[in-house]
């Protein structure tokens, strides 16, 4: 393992001092420091295993085995630590912190081991070498989602070392292909459901702690996410020689449908989560999105300002289903009329919307041009998780203790995670990473992915408190609101 280190800035050292009071019980500053260092090593170890799709399925198995080995060597029984290998060789980890006398149903703790591709030529640093510099950790997956995985393992090790006795099982689930097919979570739920049975799940792969400069603006807890679906739109034509153009043309036909789609706006439809989010979302005075958000939350859809919604992609994506062309192909020769033209349209469907209605809309738009619509990636329902639950209250309480006075809001993810399938399996799912970062510096899936080291350690400690709370009735009862 190659780990480059840099001197810690004064602000980072100050943040460690502030974090020490969060340590549970009589834990000393030294114990907290050791906990942080172990979590740092775990993150470095995970980052330096290239688990992108091009590395092959054995890479995620390697990462899963490494984390399993840490748990076994720290006293977790072998029968509670499972590296589950899929038919293609990809590895998933399911590890159980077992209660001796469980009084409540288990809690799932989700993260994923795979990362998106990263080319050395695209980065200013080596993407699969963990680097600490100027108060940041760099490396592919350092935020998405290996920080979450390392935090969960580190806190299991600390809880075990301190002799914590939960009154319910806490179950880590690390999947192998969240960034691509999301087949791992489906396979685990289908083939190993007893290991994943739970009252609810907490997912580290999302949620926002919005940081502007040195100030926390808001904390979002994702209680729902849009449903992912893709469709192929295809026009066919007899074709012919390009010197003899026809009045009908596959490219023109397909283009006409895409123009109709571009002009079409799916209806605005808020759910419990999005209405609460837009009503309280803190935005600077004068931000044009503020007036739009408040009008939407109040149900004033006829206000003129709402007409500007389409000019603001994030708010627009919260308020309605969106469908957009993402791939295009046509023709077979530059001197021949095209026999076919094909576009892939990717839709992100509101969780309360019937996906069949969206497909029907696409077919209506395509019909005048005799373009066919075929589902490529059928949608999977992802019903929103309720806000008035123990899980949401626990996460909100921990966030409010960390950042008093900061709004803690339910949110809907505009993308899709493994949580989609967990919710679909009847397990309410809440997503939070507790990593305070500036959304304008979000480098996930991009060049020079990084997170603040101080944010990582704070997230580590907040997750420790959250696991204590969820695993103990007495801790939950005595925790400050």
Protein backbone atom coordinates (compact mmCIF):
# COMPACT_ATOMS: atom_id res chain seq x y z
CA UNK A 1 0.00 0.00 0.00
CA UNK A 2 1.38 3.38 -1.00
CA UNK A 3 0.03 6.20 1.13
CA UNK A 4 1.35 9.72 0.63
CA UNK A 5 0.94 11.93 3.67
CA UNK A 6 1.15 15.64 4.14
CA UNK A 7 1.36 17.81 7.23
CA UNK A 8 -2.02 18.55 8.78
CA UNK A 9 -3.19 22.17 8.54
CA UNK A 10 -4.08 23.99 11.73
CA UNK A 11 -7.79 23.99 10.86
CA UNK A 12 -7.74 20.21 10.60
CA UNK A 13 -6.05 19.81 13.99
CA UNK A 14 -8.63 22.13 15.47
CA UNK A 15 -11.40 19.99 14.03
CA UNK A 16 -10.01 16.93 15.78
CA UNK A 17 -10.19 18.74 19.10
CA UNK A 18 -13.82 19.61 18.41
CA UNK A 19 -14.61 16.01 17.56
CA UNK A 20 -13.19 14.51 20.74
CA UNK A 21 -16.26 15.39 22.87
CA UNK A 22 -18.37 13.18 20.59
CA UNK A 23 -16.51 10.10 21.78
CA UNK A 24 -18.75 7.74 23.73
CA UNK A 25 -18.46 7.19 27.48
CA UNK A 26 -15.00 7.59 28.98
CA UNK A 27 -13.10 7.18 25.70
CA UNK A 28 -9.95 9.31 25.78
CA UNK A 29 -8.54 11.61 23.15
CA UNK A 30 -5.92 8.96 22.47
CA UNK A 31 -8.58 6.31 21.83
CA UNK A 32 -10.40 8.63 19.45
CA UNK A 33 -7.15 9.44 17.65
CA UNK A 34 -6.39 5.72 17.28
CA UNK A 35 -9.90 5.16 15.96
CA UNK A 36 -9.41 7.89 13.37
CA UNK A 37 -6.06 6.51 12.28
CA UNK A 38 -7.46 3.00 11.84
CA UNK A 39 -10.36 4.38 9.80
CA UNK A 40 -7.88 6.27 7.66
CA UNK A 41 -5.89 3.10 6.99
CA UNK A 42 -9.06 1.21 6.08
CA UNK A 43 -10.05 3.89 3.59
CA UNK A 44 -6.57 3.88 2.08
CA UNK A 45 -6.66 0.11 1.76
CA UNK A 46 -10.00 0.17 -0.03
CA UNK A 47 -9.02 2.99 -2.38
CA UNK A 48 -5.88 1.15 -3.42
CA UNK A 49 -7.87 -1.85 -4.59
CA UNK A 50 -9.05 -0.92 -8.08
CA UNK A 51 -12.67 -2.10 -8.08
CA UNK A 52 -13.78 -0.48 -11.33
CA UNK A 53 -15.60 -2.70 -13.82
CA UNK A 54 -12.50 -2.99 -16.02
CA UNK A 55 -10.56 -4.52 -13.11
CA UNK A 56 -12.81 -7.59 -13.26
CA UNK A 57 -15.07 -9.24 -10.69
CA UNK A 58 -12.17 -10.61 -8.64
CA UNK A 59 -11.35 -7.06 -7.52
CA UNK A 60 -14.51 -6.63 -5.46
CA UNK A 61 -13.98 -10.12 -4.02
CA UNK A 62 -10.49 -9.02 -2.97
CA UNK A 63 -11.87 -5.89 -1.29
CA UNK A 64 -14.60 -7.87 0.46
CA UNK A 65 -12.10 -10.45 1.74
CA UNK A 66 -9.83 -7.71 3.09
CA UNK A 67 -12.63 -6.13 5.10
CA UNK A 68 -13.85 -9.54 6.25
CA UNK A 69 -10.36 -10.34 7.48
CA UNK A 70 -10.28 -7.20 9.64
CA UNK A 71 -13.56 -8.21 11.24
CA UNK A 72 -12.53 -11.82 11.88
CA UNK A 73 -9.20 -10.81 13.41
CA UNK A 74 -11.05 -8.44 15.73
CA UNK A 75 -13.25 -11.16 17.17
CA UNK A 76 -16.24 -11.42 14.87
CA UNK A 77 -17.19 -15.11 14.51
CA UNK A 78 -16.56 -16.63 11.10
CA UNK A 79 -20.21 -17.62 10.83
CA UNK A 80 -21.19 -13.94 11.05
CA UNK A 81 -18.83 -12.73 8.32
CA UNK A 82 -19.76 -13.84 4.81
CA UNK A 83 -18.02 -13.08 1.54
CA UNK A 84 -20.74 -14.07 -0.90
CA UNK A 85 -19.47 -14.64 -4.43
CA UNK A 86 -21.81 -14.23 -7.36
CA UNK A 87 -21.77 -16.56 -10.38
CA UNK A 88 -19.56 -14.08 -12.27
CA UNK A 89 -16.99 -14.08 -9.44
CA UNK A 90 -17.83 -10.67 -7.93
CA UNK A 91 -17.65 -10.51 -4.16
CA UNK A 92 -20.10 -9.04 -1.65
CA UNK A 93 -19.70 -8.76 2.11
CA UNK A 94 -22.43 -9.42 4.67
CA UNK A 95 -21.23 -9.06 8.27
CA UNK A 96 -23.40 -9.28 11.37
CA UNK A 97 -22.78 -7.61 14.72
CA UNK A 98 -24.91 -10.09 16.63
CA UNK A 99 -27.02 -9.28 19.67
CA UNK A 100 -26.89 -11.97 22.35
CA UNK A 101 -30.54 -11.44 23.18
CA UNK A 102 -32.13 -9.49 20.33
CA UNK A 103 -35.16 -7.47 21.34
CA UNK A 104 -35.77 -5.81 17.97
CA UNK A 105 -35.36 -6.62 14.31
CA UNK A 106 -31.99 -5.97 12.65
CA UNK A 107 -30.76 -2.83 10.91
CA UNK A 108 -29.02 -3.04 7.51
CA UNK A 109 -26.02 -0.80 6.87
CA UNK A 110 -25.32 -0.36 3.15
CA UNK A 111 -22.28 0.63 1.09
CA UNK A 112 -20.76 -0.53 -2.18
CA UNK A 113 -17.24 -1.65 -3.02
CA UNK A 114 -17.15 -0.89 -6.74
CA UNK A 115 -16.20 2.46 -8.29
CA UNK A 116 -16.55 4.09 -11.69
CA UNK A 117 -13.64 3.98 -14.11
CA UNK A 118 -10.71 6.36 -13.66
CA UNK A 119 -7.91 6.88 -16.21
CA UNK A 120 -4.53 8.04 -14.96
CA UNK A 121 -4.28 10.35 -17.96
CA UNK A 122 -7.45 12.17 -16.86
CA UNK A 123 -6.28 12.80 -13.30
CA UNK A 124 -3.58 15.09 -11.88
CA UNK A 125 -2.85 12.40 -9.24
CA UNK A 126 -2.87 8.60 -9.39
CA UNK A 127 -6.54 7.59 -8.98
CA UNK A 128 -5.82 4.30 -7.23
CA UNK A 129 -3.15 5.59 -4.85
CA UNK A 130 -4.51 7.07 -1.64
CA UNK A 131 -3.20 10.61 -1.21
CA UNK A 132 -3.59 12.97 1.72
CA UNK A 133 -2.79 16.56 0.85
CA UNK A 134 -3.79 20.01 2.12
CA UNK A 135 -6.60 18.66 4.29
CA UNK A 136 -8.10 16.35 1.64
CA UNK A 137 -8.10 12.65 0.88
CA UNK A 138 -7.78 11.88 -2.84
CA UNK A 139 -8.51 8.69 -4.76
CA UNK A 140 -11.18 7.06 -6.89
CA UNK A 141 -14.05 6.04 -4.62
CA UNK A 142 -12.78 8.04 -1.67
CA UNK A 143 -16.28 9.57 -1.45
CA UNK A 144 -18.38 7.29 -3.64
CA UNK A 145 -18.60 5.04 -1.71
CA UNK A 146 -15.50 3.70 -0.01
CA UNK A 147 -15.62 6.30 2.74
CA UNK A 148 -18.97 4.84 3.78
CA UNK A 149 -17.60 1.29 3.69
CA UNK A 150 -14.49 2.17 5.71
CA UNK A 151 -16.54 4.10 8.28
CA UNK A 152 -18.85 1.14 8.88
CA UNK A 153 -15.99 -1.34 9.26
CA UNK A 154 -14.01 0.99 11.53
CA UNK A 155 -17.00 1.54 13.79
CA UNK A 156 -17.78 -2.19 13.99
CA UNK A 157 -14.19 -2.71 15.11
CA UNK A 158 -14.40 0.06 17.69
CA UNK A 159 -17.75 -1.11 19.06
CA UNK A 160 -16.40 -4.65 19.35
CA UNK A 161 -13.22 -3.42 21.04
CA UNK A 162 -15.23 -1.44 23.59
CA UNK A 163 -17.46 -4.42 24.37
CA UNK A 164 -20.66 -2.87 23.02
CA UNK A 165 -23.64 -5.23 23.40
CA UNK A 166 -26.46 -4.29 21.01
CA UNK A 167 -30.05 -5.31 21.62
CA UNK A 168 -30.57 -5.94 17.90
CA UNK A 169 -28.34 -7.23 15.11
CA UNK A 170 -26.47 -4.65 13.04
CA UNK A 171 -25.76 -5.99 9.55
CA UNK A 172 -23.22 -4.57 7.10
CA UNK A 173 -23.96 -5.20 3.41
CA UNK A 174 -21.30 -4.22 0.84
CA UNK A 175 -22.25 -4.82 -2.79
CA UNK A 176 -20.08 -5.34 -5.86
CA UNK A 177 -21.74 -3.50 -8.76
CA UNK A 178 -23.82 -0.54 -7.61
CA UNK A 179 -22.19 1.65 -10.25
CA UNK A 180 -23.17 -0.64 -13.14
CA UNK A 181 -25.84 -3.34 -13.15
CA UNK A 182 -26.85 -3.34 -9.47
CA UNK A 183 -27.19 -7.09 -9.87
CA UNK A 184 -25.44 -7.78 -6.55
CA UNK A 185 -28.14 -6.37 -4.30
CA UNK A 186 -30.83 -8.12 -6.34
CA UNK A 187 -28.94 -11.41 -6.08
CA UNK A 188 -28.40 -11.01 -2.34
CA UNK A 189 -32.07 -10.27 -1.74
CA UNK A 190 -33.12 -13.23 -3.90
CA UNK A 191 -30.58 -15.83 -2.76
CA UNK A 192 -29.67 -14.74 0.77
CA UNK A 193 -32.74 -12.90 2.02
CA UNK A 194 -32.56 -14.32 5.60
CA UNK A 195 -29.18 -12.63 6.02
CA UNK A 196 -30.65 -9.31 4.90
CA UNK A 197 -33.94 -9.38 6.76
CA UNK A 198 -34.25 -6.09 8.64
CA UNK A 199 -36.61 -3.52 10.09
CA UNK A 200 -34.98 -0.78 8.03
CA UNK A 201 -31.77 0.08 6.22
CA UNK A 202 -29.32 2.96 6.43
CA UNK A 203 -27.39 3.65 3.25
CA UNK A 204 -24.07 5.55 3.26
CA UNK A 205 -24.26 6.17 -0.51
CA UNK A 206 -25.76 9.64 -0.56
CA UNK A 207 -27.46 12.27 1.53
CA UNK A 208 -25.99 15.73 1.75
CA UNK A 209 -24.31 17.73 4.47
CA UNK A 210 -24.05 20.98 2.53
CA UNK A 211 -20.96 22.99 3.42
CA UNK A 212 -20.37 26.56 2.19
CA UNK A 213 -16.96 27.79 3.28
CA UNK A 214 -16.83 26.87 6.97
CA UNK A 215 -20.60 26.92 7.49
CA UNK A 216 -23.01 24.00 7.34
CA UNK A 217 -26.13 25.12 5.45
CA UNK A 218 -28.31 22.03 5.62
CA UNK A 219 -28.38 18.28 6.12
CA UNK A 220 -30.48 16.11 3.83
CA UNK A 221 -31.58 12.56 4.58
CA UNK A 222 -32.70 10.73 1.46
CA UNK A 223 -35.98 8.93 2.09
CA UNK A 224 -36.74 8.22 -1.55
CA UNK A 225 -35.14 8.15 -4.97
CA UNK A 226 -36.34 8.37 -8.52
CA UNK A 227 -36.93 5.19 -10.47
CA UNK A 228 -34.47 4.44 -13.28
CA UNK A 229 -35.72 3.31 -16.69
CA UNK A 230 -34.30 3.35 -20.23
CA UNK A 231 -36.08 2.98 -23.55
CA UNK A 232 -34.94 2.50 -27.16
CA UNK A 233 -36.69 4.65 -29.75
CA UNK A 234 -36.16 3.32 -33.26
CA UNK A 235 -37.21 4.37 -36.73
CA UNK A 236 -36.79 2.00 -39.70
CA UNK A 237 -36.83 2.74 -43.41
CA UNK A 238 -36.16 0.91 -46.70
CA UNK A 239 -33.25 3.28 -47.27
CA UNK A 240 -31.60 3.63 -50.66
CA UNK A 241 -29.02 5.74 -52.45
CA UNK A 242 -28.30 9.13 -50.91
CA UNK A 243 -28.50 10.72 -54.37
CA UNK A 244 -32.22 9.88 -54.43
CA UNK A 245 -33.65 11.29 -51.18
CA UNK A 246 -37.08 10.15 -50.05
CA UNK A 247 -39.72 12.22 -48.30
CA UNK A 248 -39.49 9.76 -45.40
CA UNK A 249 -36.15 9.29 -43.64
CA UNK A 250 -35.36 7.35 -40.49
CA UNK A 251 -33.21 10.14 -39.06
CA UNK A 252 -35.89 12.78 -39.70
CA UNK A 253 -38.54 10.53 -38.18
CA UNK A 254 -36.51 9.92 -35.03
CA UNK A 255 -35.49 13.57 -34.76
CA UNK A 256 -39.11 14.63 -34.87
CA UNK A 257 -39.89 12.42 -31.89
CA UNK A 258 -36.92 13.75 -29.94
CA UNK A 259 -38.06 17.31 -30.65
CA UNK A 260 -41.50 16.47 -29.26
CA UNK A 261 -39.88 14.94 -26.19
CA UNK A 262 -37.74 18.04 -25.76
CA UNK A 263 -40.82 20.25 -25.80
CA UNK A 264 -42.84 18.01 -23.50
CA UNK A 265 -42.92 18.69 -19.76
CA UNK A 266 -44.04 15.93 -17.45
CA UNK A 267 -46.51 17.18 -14.82
CA UNK A 268 -45.27 18.60 -11.53
CA UNK A 269 -46.00 16.13 -8.75
CA UNK A 270 -44.56 16.53 -5.25
CA UNK A 271 -44.54 13.83 -2.58
CA UNK A 272 -44.19 14.12 1.20
CA UNK A 273 -40.40 14.23 0.96
CA UNK A 274 -40.04 16.74 -1.87
CA UNK A 275 -42.71 19.06 -0.49
CA UNK A 276 -40.96 19.21 2.89
CA UNK A 277 -37.58 19.68 1.24
CA UNK A 278 -38.66 22.53 -1.03
CA UNK A 279 -40.49 24.26 1.83
CA UNK A 280 -37.38 24.40 4.02
CA UNK A 281 -34.45 24.19 1.61
CA UNK A 282 -32.12 27.01 2.71
CA UNK A 283 -31.00 29.17 -0.19
CA UNK A 284 -29.35 32.57 -0.24
CA UNK A 285 -31.69 35.53 -0.56
CA UNK A 286 -31.97 36.47 -4.19
CA UNK A 287 -31.38 32.95 -5.50
CA UNK A 288 -33.96 32.55 -8.28
CA UNK A 289 -34.61 28.98 -7.17
CA UNK A 290 -35.86 30.14 -3.75
CA UNK A 291 -39.09 31.68 -5.01
CA UNK A 292 -39.72 28.69 -7.28
CA UNK A 293 -39.16 26.18 -4.47
CA UNK A 294 -41.48 27.98 -2.07
CA UNK A 295 -44.21 28.32 -4.71
CA UNK A 296 -44.00 24.61 -5.50
CA UNK A 297 -44.10 23.62 -1.82
CA UNK A 298 -47.18 25.79 -1.28
CA UNK A 299 -48.92 24.24 -4.27
CA UNK A 300 -49.04 27.53 -6.20
CA UNK A 301 -48.26 25.94 -9.53
CA UNK A 302 -49.93 28.72 -11.52
CA UNK A 303 -47.56 31.44 -10.31
CA UNK A 304 -45.53 32.93 -13.18
CA UNK A 305 -42.24 32.10 -11.47
CA UNK A 306 -42.99 28.38 -11.80
CA UNK A 307 -42.66 28.78 -15.57
CA UNK A 308 -38.91 29.20 -14.95
CA UNK A 309 -38.65 25.74 -13.39
CA UNK A 310 -37.16 24.11 -16.49
CA UNK A 311 -34.24 26.55 -16.35
CA UNK A 312 -33.09 25.08 -13.02
CA UNK A 313 -32.20 21.39 -13.54
CA UNK A 314 -32.00 20.36 -9.88
CA UNK A 315 -35.32 21.82 -8.77
CA UNK A 316 -36.93 20.67 -11.99
CA UNK A 317 -35.73 17.10 -11.44
CA UNK A 318 -37.16 17.10 -7.91
CA UNK A 319 -40.56 18.32 -9.07
CA UNK A 320 -41.27 16.04 -12.01
CA UNK A 321 -40.29 12.95 -13.97
CA UNK A 322 -37.63 13.63 -16.59
CA UNK A 323 -36.75 11.76 -19.79
CA UNK A 324 -33.76 12.70 -21.91
CA UNK A 325 -31.95 11.16 -24.93
CA UNK A 326 -28.50 9.92 -23.93
CA UNK A 327 -27.33 7.86 -26.93
CA UNK A 328 -27.86 8.19 -30.67
CA UNK A 329 -26.96 6.04 -33.68
CA UNK A 330 -28.09 5.98 -37.31
CA UNK A 331 -27.10 4.99 -40.82
CA UNK A 332 -24.57 2.54 -42.22
CA UNK A 333 -22.76 4.57 -44.91
CA UNK A 334 -22.29 8.25 -45.73
CA UNK A 335 -23.68 7.74 -49.23
CA UNK A 336 -26.73 5.70 -48.26
CA UNK A 337 -30.11 6.65 -46.86
CA UNK A 338 -30.36 5.27 -43.33
CA UNK A 339 -32.18 1.98 -42.86
CA UNK A 340 -32.59 2.79 -39.17
CA UNK A 341 -32.06 5.44 -36.54
CA UNK A 342 -32.00 4.68 -32.84
CA UNK A 343 -31.91 6.74 -29.65
CA UNK A 344 -31.72 5.65 -26.04
CA UNK A 345 -33.88 7.74 -23.74
CA UNK A 346 -33.16 7.58 -20.02
CA UNK A 347 -36.00 8.41 -17.63
CA UNK A 348 -35.88 9.21 -13.94
CA UNK A 349 -39.42 8.60 -12.73
CA UNK A 350 -40.94 10.00 -9.56
CA UNK A 351 -41.42 7.17 -7.04
CA UNK A 352 -45.15 7.85 -6.71
CA UNK A 353 -45.69 7.69 -10.49
CA UNK A 354 -46.78 4.55 -12.35
CA UNK A 355 -43.92 3.81 -14.79
CA UNK A 356 -46.48 2.44 -17.25
CA UNK A 357 -47.82 5.99 -17.63
CA UNK A 358 -44.36 7.24 -18.60
CA UNK A 359 -43.90 4.55 -21.22
CA UNK A 360 -47.37 5.33 -22.57
CA UNK A 361 -46.38 9.00 -22.90
CA UNK A 362 -43.27 8.07 -24.88
CA UNK A 363 -45.37 5.92 -27.18
CA UNK A 364 -47.82 8.79 -27.78
CA UNK A 365 -44.94 11.08 -28.71
CA UNK A 366 -43.45 8.44 -31.02
CA UNK A 367 -46.62 7.28 -32.76
CA UNK A 368 -47.02 10.13 -35.32
CA UNK A 369 -43.58 9.31 -36.74
CA UNK A 370 -44.04 5.53 -36.70
CA UNK A 371 -41.18 5.15 -34.21
CA UNK A 372 -41.16 2.12 -31.93
CA UNK A 373 -40.50 2.25 -28.19
CA UNK A 374 -38.83 -0.69 -26.43
CA UNK A 375 -38.02 -0.92 -22.71
CA UNK A 376 -34.30 -1.61 -22.26
CA UNK A 377 -34.07 -1.31 -18.50
CA UNK A 378 -37.50 -1.95 -17.03
CA UNK A 379 -38.30 0.27 -14.03
CA UNK A 380 -38.28 -1.15 -10.53
CA UNK A 381 -40.58 0.47 -8.00
CA UNK A 382 -38.93 2.36 -5.15
CA UNK A 383 -41.67 3.50 -2.77
CA UNK A 384 -40.71 6.47 -0.54
CA UNK A 385 -39.78 5.61 3.03
CA UNK A 386 -41.87 7.30 5.71
CA UNK A 387 -40.47 10.25 7.63
CA UNK A 388 -42.17 9.58 10.97
CA UNK A 389 -40.02 6.56 11.88
CA UNK A 390 -37.37 5.57 14.40
CA UNK A 391 -34.72 5.50 11.69
CA UNK A 392 -35.38 9.01 10.40
CA UNK A 393 -35.69 10.41 13.93
CA UNK A 394 -32.38 8.84 14.96
CA UNK A 395 -30.46 10.25 11.99
CA UNK A 396 -32.07 13.66 12.42
CA UNK A 397 -31.25 13.71 16.13
CA UNK A 398 -27.57 12.92 15.55
CA UNK A 399 -27.37 15.62 12.86
CA UNK A 400 -29.06 18.19 15.08
CA UNK A 401 -26.65 17.46 17.91
CA UNK A 402 -23.71 17.92 15.56
CA UNK A 403 -25.01 21.07 13.88
CA UNK A 404 -27.53 22.84 16.15
CA UNK A 405 -29.92 25.09 14.33
CA UNK A 406 -29.11 23.71 10.88
CA UNK A 407 -32.14 22.45 8.91
CA UNK A 408 -32.28 18.66 8.65
CA UNK A 409 -34.50 17.81 5.70
CA UNK A 410 -35.90 14.75 3.99
CA UNK A 411 -34.75 14.58 0.38
CA UNK A 412 -35.32 12.58 -2.79
CA UNK A 413 -32.30 11.38 -4.74
CA UNK A 414 -32.50 12.20 -8.43
CA UNK A 415 -30.25 9.23 -9.21
CA UNK A 416 -30.51 5.60 -8.19
CA UNK A 417 -28.65 3.44 -5.66
CA UNK A 418 -28.89 -0.07 -4.24
CA UNK A 419 -31.49 1.41 -1.91
CA UNK A 420 -33.99 1.19 -4.77
CA UNK A 421 -34.03 -2.61 -4.55
CA UNK A 422 -33.96 -2.66 -0.76
CA UNK A 423 -37.02 -0.43 -0.62
CA UNK A 424 -38.69 -2.55 -3.30
CA UNK A 425 -38.08 -5.58 -1.06
CA UNK A 426 -40.15 -3.94 1.68
CA UNK A 427 -37.27 -2.59 3.80
CA UNK A 428 -37.56 1.18 4.41
CA UNK A 429 -34.25 2.84 3.50
CA UNK A 430 -32.67 6.13 4.60
CA UNK A 431 -29.50 7.51 3.04
CA UNK A 432 -26.94 9.72 4.80
CA UNK A 433 -23.15 9.83 4.65
CA UNK A 434 -22.55 12.57 7.29
CA UNK A 435 -19.72 13.94 5.13
CA UNK A 436 -19.78 17.74 5.09
CA UNK A 437 -18.74 18.87 1.62
CA UNK A 438 -19.27 21.79 -0.74
CA UNK A 439 -21.70 20.67 -3.49
CA UNK A 440 -19.86 22.94 -5.93
CA UNK A 441 -16.76 20.77 -5.43
CA UNK A 442 -18.49 17.41 -5.88
CA UNK A 443 -15.94 15.29 -7.77
CA UNK A 444 -17.65 11.92 -7.49
CA UNK A 445 -17.34 10.05 -10.80
CA UNK A 446 -15.02 12.82 -11.93
CA UNK A 447 -11.41 13.95 -12.00
CA UNK A 448 -9.39 14.05 -8.77
CA UNK A 449 -12.19 12.76 -6.53
CA UNK A 450 -11.64 13.95 -2.96
CA UNK A 451 -13.17 14.61 0.45
CA UNK A 452 -12.07 16.73 3.37
CA UNK A 453 -10.15 14.67 5.90
CA UNK A 454 -11.84 16.54 8.77
CA UNK A 455 -15.26 15.74 7.26
CA UNK A 456 -14.32 12.08 7.06
CA UNK A 457 -13.37 11.92 10.73
CA UNK A 458 -16.47 13.81 11.79
CA UNK A 459 -18.65 11.48 9.70
CA UNK A 460 -16.88 8.54 11.31
CA UNK A 461 -17.71 9.78 14.81
CA UNK A 462 -21.31 10.66 13.98
CA UNK A 463 -21.86 7.19 12.53
CA UNK A 464 -20.40 5.73 15.74
CA UNK A 465 -22.99 7.62 17.79
CA UNK A 466 -25.75 6.61 15.39
CA UNK A 467 -24.86 2.91 15.62
CA UNK A 468 -24.79 3.13 19.40
CA UNK A 469 -28.20 4.76 19.39
CA UNK A 470 -29.79 2.31 16.98
CA UNK A 471 -28.28 -0.67 18.77
CA UNK A 472 -29.40 0.22 22.27
CA UNK A 473 -32.81 1.16 23.64
CA UNK A 474 -31.16 2.82 26.65
CA UNK A 475 -28.86 4.88 24.42
CA UNK A 476 -31.79 6.00 22.27
CA UNK A 477 -33.83 6.91 25.35
CA UNK A 478 -31.12 9.01 26.96
CA UNK A 479 -29.67 10.70 23.87
CA UNK A 480 -30.22 14.42 23.66
CA UNK A 481 -32.82 15.42 21.08
